[in-house]
Amino acid sequence: MMNPSRIGLATLRTALAAAFLLVALSGATRVQRDEPVQASLSKALTFHASFDRGPDADFGLGDTRIYTASSYKTREDAKPGIGNPDIGIAKGKGRFGDALEFRKRNTMALFYKAEKNVPYSEHDWSGTVSFWLNLSPDEDLAPGYADPIQVTDKEFNNAALWVDFTRDDKPRHFRLGVFGDLKVWNPQNLSPEQSADFNKRTVVVIQPPFARGQWTHVAITFSGLNTDRGMARLYLTGRLQGSANDIREPFTWNVAQAAIRLGVNYVGLWDELSVFSRALSDKEVEALYQLKSGVASLHK
């Protein structure tokens, strides 16, 4: 006659073996699902600056050098490199490796050339811009608006995408702005306070999760620009915060003058700028946020 305790032990061993097998299969399935997402990110990548090898970009389809000029209006004195003593590379302080550091309010023009690095299209333009910030907006920023990034060939309200910290709010709000040709969406050139159309083209986060000593991921996706169905979305730490929809006006660029502008009036740490050729999905933005070694793993 069989010992009942031995029957129970055998059953337990069988159950444990099945459980371990299920976990192993689940892990394998997860890896198989993650690999295509990273492959799709790698295929869409057009530009990446890690700041781990200096200020120039690690990867790009266009000019990978960083430039400094006294002003964005002319850029006639633009020269390669960081020409502002208040901006430098902070060794070991980045989200991954080193970071770009703005020690005082930046009023000079610091930029990468957008041509080819941002795959602009006159018809059905889409893309994604991703980066990380480390600052306390209320403590670190000087009075006035501060734009961590602007992507345009002209001004913030003219064929431009940007994010900014607002001027007077407590705490400072964080906004995404997406504006086509100024003469089309705002022919009277009204101020933001006077124009109802200004707010339609922004996404506002009233209490953004920024803090000194903490890295926050920012992603901007946009699709259908230069069509009658343009839209843009803002993500923080991998989560969708909101969208600006029904953007119908054109985005007309002189591509040779277009730039990825960094740190306009900004103070704080800045890391991991990357640009993609299409609007990433929610799942892809989350995967980008969760990359264990950063965007460098997508182009090594």
Protein backbone atom coordinates (compact mmCIF):
# COMPACT_ATOMS: atom_id res chain seq x y z
CA MET A 1 0.00 0.00 0.00
CA MET A 2 1.32 3.46 -0.97
CA ASN A 3 2.30 5.91 1.74
CA PRO A 4 -0.16 8.87 1.53
CA SER A 5 2.65 11.30 2.41
CA ARG A 6 4.73 10.07 -0.55
CA ILE A 7 1.75 10.59 -2.88
CA GLY A 8 1.42 14.17 -1.58
CA LEU A 9 5.15 14.81 -2.06
CA ALA A 10 5.08 13.53 -5.62
CA THR A 11 2.09 15.70 -6.41
CA LEU A 12 3.85 18.72 -4.91
CA ARG A 13 6.99 18.11 -6.99
CA THR A 14 4.91 17.83 -10.16
CA ALA A 15 3.08 21.05 -9.36
CA LEU A 16 6.35 22.91 -8.66
CA ALA A 17 7.89 21.67 -11.89
CA ALA A 18 4.86 22.87 -13.84
CA ALA A 19 4.99 26.24 -12.12
CA PHE A 20 8.71 26.73 -12.93
CA LEU A 21 8.04 25.76 -16.54
CA LEU A 22 5.22 28.30 -16.75
CA VAL A 23 7.47 31.07 -15.38
CA ALA A 24 10.23 30.16 -17.82
CA LEU A 25 7.85 30.18 -20.76
CA SER A 26 6.38 33.48 -19.61
CA GLY A 27 9.85 35.03 -19.44
CA ALA A 28 10.73 33.72 -22.88
CA THR A 29 7.51 35.14 -24.29
CA ARG A 30 8.28 38.51 -22.69
CA VAL A 31 11.74 38.61 -24.26
CA GLN A 32 10.29 37.67 -27.63
CA ARG A 33 7.77 40.49 -27.32
CA ASP A 34 10.39 43.06 -26.23
CA GLU A 35 12.85 42.29 -29.00
CA PRO A 36 10.58 43.44 -31.88
CA VAL A 37 9.82 46.69 -30.01
CA GLN A 38 13.52 47.50 -29.65
CA ALA A 39 14.09 46.55 -33.27
CA SER A 40 11.32 48.93 -34.37
CA LEU A 41 12.82 51.72 -32.26
CA SER A 42 16.26 51.09 -33.75
CA LYS A 43 14.89 51.20 -37.29
CA ALA A 44 13.13 54.53 -36.69
CA LEU A 45 16.04 56.27 -34.92
CA THR A 46 17.49 59.24 -36.84
CA PHE A 47 19.49 61.10 -34.16
CA HIS A 48 20.93 60.46 -30.71
CA ALA A 49 23.08 62.57 -28.38
CA SER A 50 24.07 60.84 -25.14
CA PHE A 51 26.63 63.50 -24.06
CA ASP A 52 28.84 60.63 -22.91
CA ARG A 53 31.54 61.43 -25.50
CA GLY A 54 31.14 65.19 -25.36
CA PRO A 55 28.46 67.52 -26.71
CA ASP A 56 28.36 66.21 -30.30
CA ALA A 57 25.78 63.56 -31.12
CA ASP A 58 26.67 59.87 -31.10
CA PHE A 59 24.49 59.13 -34.11
CA GLY A 60 22.66 61.13 -36.76
CA LEU A 61 21.58 61.12 -40.37
CA GLY A 62 22.77 64.71 -40.72
CA ASP A 63 25.38 66.95 -39.09
CA THR A 64 26.06 65.58 -35.60
CA ARG A 65 27.96 68.62 -34.27
CA ILE A 66 26.53 70.94 -31.64
CA TYR A 67 26.64 74.67 -32.38
CA THR A 68 26.59 77.89 -30.38
CA ALA A 69 25.52 81.33 -31.61
CA SER A 70 24.79 84.60 -29.87
CA SER A 71 21.17 84.55 -31.11
CA TYR A 72 18.72 82.30 -32.93
CA LYS A 73 17.56 85.26 -35.05
CA THR A 74 20.64 85.40 -37.25
CA ARG A 75 22.98 82.56 -36.27
CA GLU A 76 25.60 84.25 -38.46
CA ASP A 77 28.25 83.78 -35.78
CA ALA A 78 27.39 80.11 -35.15
CA LYS A 79 30.41 77.94 -34.42
CA PRO A 80 30.75 74.23 -33.60
CA GLY A 81 31.04 73.39 -29.92
CA ILE A 82 29.69 74.81 -26.66
CA GLY A 83 30.54 78.52 -26.64
CA ASN A 84 28.83 79.41 -23.37
CA PRO A 85 30.94 79.02 -20.21
CA ASP A 86 27.79 78.40 -18.18
CA ILE A 87 27.06 75.20 -20.14
CA GLY A 88 29.18 72.07 -19.93
CA ILE A 89 29.34 68.31 -19.63
CA ALA A 90 28.61 67.00 -16.13
CA LYS A 91 30.64 63.83 -15.71
CA GLY A 92 28.70 60.92 -14.23
CA LYS A 93 25.61 63.01 -13.51
CA GLY A 94 23.48 61.85 -16.42
CA ARG A 95 20.55 59.51 -16.61
CA PHE A 96 23.07 57.27 -18.32
CA GLY A 97 26.72 58.30 -18.00
CA ASP A 98 27.33 62.03 -18.48
CA ALA A 99 24.85 64.87 -18.96
CA LEU A 100 24.60 68.33 -20.44
CA GLU A 101 24.48 70.88 -17.64
CA PHE A 102 23.04 74.40 -17.78
CA ARG A 103 24.49 76.11 -14.71
CA LYS A 104 22.87 79.50 -15.24
CA ARG A 105 19.96 80.76 -17.32
CA ASN A 106 20.94 80.14 -20.92
CA THR A 107 20.29 83.10 -23.22
CA MET A 108 22.60 82.00 -26.06
CA ALA A 109 21.65 79.79 -29.00
CA LEU A 110 22.70 76.17 -28.48
CA PHE A 111 21.52 73.78 -31.16
CA TYR A 112 21.94 70.87 -33.53
CA LYS A 113 21.07 71.28 -37.18
CA ALA A 114 17.72 69.62 -37.88
CA GLU A 115 18.30 68.83 -41.55
CA LYS A 116 18.12 65.02 -42.00
CA ASN A 117 18.39 64.53 -38.22
CA VAL A 118 14.71 65.52 -38.00
CA PRO A 119 13.10 63.88 -41.06
CA TYR A 120 10.88 66.81 -42.03
CA SER A 121 8.26 66.26 -44.74
CA GLU A 122 6.08 68.74 -46.61
CA HIS A 123 3.40 66.05 -46.76
CA ASP A 124 2.18 64.03 -43.76
CA TRP A 125 5.06 64.73 -41.36
CA SER A 126 5.43 62.48 -38.32
CA GLY A 127 8.10 61.88 -35.70
CA THR A 128 9.12 61.59 -32.05
CA VAL A 129 11.50 63.59 -29.86
CA SER A 130 12.71 62.10 -26.56
CA PHE A 131 14.95 63.35 -23.74
CA TRP A 132 15.47 63.41 -19.95
CA LEU A 133 15.47 66.39 -17.56
CA ASN A 134 16.68 66.78 -13.99
CA LEU A 135 15.70 69.99 -12.17
CA SER A 136 13.36 71.59 -9.68
CA PRO A 137 11.45 74.09 -11.87
CA ASP A 138 10.34 76.33 -8.99
CA GLU A 139 13.78 76.42 -7.36
CA ASP A 140 16.22 76.25 -10.28
CA LEU A 141 14.69 78.29 -13.10
CA ALA A 142 15.04 82.04 -13.39
CA PRO A 143 11.90 84.18 -13.80
CA GLY A 144 10.27 83.89 -17.21
CA TYR A 145 9.44 81.05 -19.57
CA ALA A 146 12.01 78.28 -19.99
CA ASP A 147 11.99 75.93 -23.00
CA PRO A 148 14.09 72.78 -22.62
CA ILE A 149 13.67 72.20 -26.36
CA GLN A 150 12.36 73.94 -29.47
CA VAL A 151 12.32 72.39 -32.95
CA THR A 152 11.79 75.07 -35.60
CA ASP A 153 13.42 77.21 -38.25
CA LYS A 154 11.84 80.45 -37.02
CA GLU A 155 10.12 81.20 -33.70
CA PHE A 156 8.32 79.29 -30.95
CA ASN A 157 4.92 80.12 -32.46
CA ASN A 158 5.81 79.65 -36.12
CA ALA A 159 6.18 76.11 -37.56
CA ALA A 160 7.49 74.86 -34.23
CA LEU A 161 7.27 72.12 -31.62
CA TRP A 162 8.45 72.74 -28.08
CA VAL A 163 8.00 72.09 -24.39
CA ASP A 164 8.28 74.79 -21.74
CA PHE A 165 7.89 75.61 -18.07
CA THR A 166 5.42 78.45 -17.56
CA ARG A 167 6.32 81.81 -16.11
CA ASP A 168 3.97 82.71 -13.28
CA ASP A 169 2.24 79.50 -12.14
CA LYS A 170 2.99 77.94 -8.75
CA PRO A 171 4.02 75.23 -9.27
CA ARG A 172 5.20 75.96 -12.78
CA HIS A 173 3.16 74.14 -15.38
CA PHE A 174 4.81 72.06 -18.09
CA ARG A 175 3.46 72.46 -21.62
CA LEU A 176 3.78 70.98 -25.08
CA GLY A 177 3.25 73.43 -27.92
CA VAL A 178 2.71 72.53 -31.58
CA PHE A 179 2.20 75.47 -33.95
CA GLY A 180 2.14 75.60 -37.73
CA ASP A 181 2.71 78.66 -39.89
CA LEU A 182 1.94 81.78 -37.84
CA LYS A 183 0.24 83.63 -40.69
CA VAL A 184 -2.25 80.78 -41.06
CA TRP A 185 -3.22 79.93 -37.49
CA ASN A 186 -2.82 83.47 -36.11
CA PRO A 187 -3.08 85.94 -39.02
CA GLN A 188 -3.59 88.91 -36.68
CA ASN A 189 -0.45 87.94 -34.71
CA LEU A 190 -2.30 88.12 -31.40
CA SER A 191 -0.44 87.46 -28.17
CA PRO A 192 -0.95 84.05 -26.47
CA GLU A 193 -3.15 85.77 -23.89
CA GLN A 194 -5.38 87.22 -26.62
CA SER A 195 -5.56 84.17 -28.88
CA ALA A 196 -7.99 81.36 -28.14
CA ASP A 197 -6.26 79.30 -30.82
CA PHE A 198 -3.01 79.30 -28.83
CA ASN A 199 -4.42 77.07 -26.10
CA LYS A 200 -5.84 74.63 -28.67
CA ARG A 201 -2.28 73.86 -29.73
CA THR A 202 -0.89 73.17 -26.28
CA VAL A 203 -0.99 70.32 -23.78
CA VAL A 204 -0.67 71.49 -20.15
CA VAL A 205 0.49 69.43 -17.17
CA ILE A 206 -0.42 71.40 -14.05
CA GLN A 207 1.67 69.42 -11.57
CA PRO A 208 4.53 67.84 -13.53
CA PRO A 209 6.73 65.26 -11.76
CA PHE A 210 10.04 67.13 -11.95
CA ALA A 211 12.38 67.29 -8.94
CA ARG A 212 16.02 68.08 -8.32
CA GLY A 213 18.05 64.86 -8.19
CA GLN A 214 15.38 62.95 -10.11
CA TRP A 215 15.41 62.20 -13.83
CA THR A 216 12.12 62.66 -15.71
CA HIS A 217 11.61 61.29 -19.21
CA VAL A 218 9.87 63.51 -21.79
CA ALA A 219 8.59 62.29 -25.15
CA ILE A 220 6.79 64.24 -27.86
CA THR A 221 5.11 62.31 -30.66
CA PHE A 222 3.49 63.97 -33.65
CA SER A 223 1.73 62.73 -36.76
CA GLY A 224 -0.21 64.03 -39.74
CA LEU A 225 1.38 67.48 -39.70
CA ASN A 226 1.07 69.17 -43.09
CA THR A 227 -2.30 67.45 -43.51
CA ASP A 228 -5.75 68.33 -42.14
CA ARG A 229 -5.42 65.76 -39.33
CA GLY A 230 -2.28 66.82 -37.50
CA MET A 231 -1.82 65.96 -33.85
CA ALA A 232 0.83 65.80 -31.14
CA ARG A 233 1.08 63.96 -27.83
CA LEU A 234 3.05 64.56 -24.65
CA TYR A 235 4.39 61.75 -22.46
CA LEU A 236 6.09 61.97 -19.06
CA THR A 237 7.81 58.92 -17.54
CA GLY A 238 6.28 56.75 -20.25
CA ARG A 239 2.70 57.85 -19.63
CA LEU A 240 0.48 59.87 -21.94
CA GLN A 241 -0.42 63.29 -20.50
CA GLY A 242 -2.60 64.62 -23.29
CA SER A 243 -2.78 65.54 -26.96
CA ALA A 244 -3.31 68.53 -29.24
CA ASN A 245 -5.59 67.54 -32.12
CA ASP A 246 -6.99 68.84 -35.40
CA ILE A 247 -3.90 70.85 -36.33
CA ARG A 248 -4.66 71.75 -39.92
CA GLU A 249 -2.31 74.62 -40.78
CA PRO A 250 0.90 73.89 -42.72
CA PHE A 251 4.37 73.66 -41.18
CA THR A 252 6.61 75.36 -43.73
CA TRP A 253 10.34 75.02 -43.08
CA ASN A 254 13.50 76.27 -44.66
CA VAL A 255 15.15 72.98 -43.73
CA ALA A 256 18.67 74.43 -43.93
CA GLN A 257 17.73 76.89 -41.15
CA ALA A 258 15.81 74.43 -38.96
CA ALA A 259 17.36 73.54 -35.62
CA ILE A 260 16.93 71.43 -32.52
CA ARG A 261 17.32 74.17 -29.93
CA LEU A 262 18.37 73.15 -26.43
CA GLY A 263 17.89 74.86 -23.09
CA VAL A 264 16.27 78.18 -23.99
CA ASN A 265 16.37 80.10 -20.66
CA TYR A 266 16.86 76.71 -19.00
CA VAL A 267 18.78 75.78 -15.84
CA GLY A 268 19.36 72.13 -14.89
CA LEU A 269 20.64 68.82 -16.22
CA TRP A 270 19.73 67.54 -19.69
CA ASP A 271 20.38 64.07 -21.15
CA GLU A 272 19.68 61.51 -23.88
CA LEU A 273 18.26 63.47 -26.81
CA SER A 274 16.85 61.18 -29.48
CA VAL A 275 14.73 61.69 -32.58
CA PHE A 276 12.67 59.10 -34.47
CA SER A 277 11.23 59.17 -37.97
CA ARG A 278 7.64 58.42 -36.94
CA ALA A 279 5.22 58.81 -34.07
CA LEU A 280 5.98 56.03 -31.59
CA SER A 281 3.08 54.09 -30.11
CA ASP A 282 2.22 54.12 -26.41
CA LYS A 283 3.97 50.77 -26.04
CA GLU A 284 7.08 52.01 -27.82
CA VAL A 285 7.28 55.18 -25.69
CA GLU A 286 7.05 53.03 -22.56
CA ALA A 287 9.78 50.74 -23.91
CA LEU A 288 11.95 53.78 -24.69
CA TYR A 289 11.47 55.05 -21.14
CA GLN A 290 12.42 51.65 -19.72
CA LEU A 291 15.61 51.06 -21.76
CA LYS A 292 18.14 49.85 -19.19
CA SER A 293 21.20 51.33 -20.92
CA GLY A 294 19.59 54.16 -22.85
CA VAL A 295 19.20 54.82 -26.56
CA ALA A 296 22.82 53.84 -27.23
CA SER A 297 21.66 50.22 -27.16
CA LEU A 298 19.59 50.93 -30.27
CA HIS A 299 22.49 51.87 -32.55
CA LYS A 300 25.53 49.99 -31.26
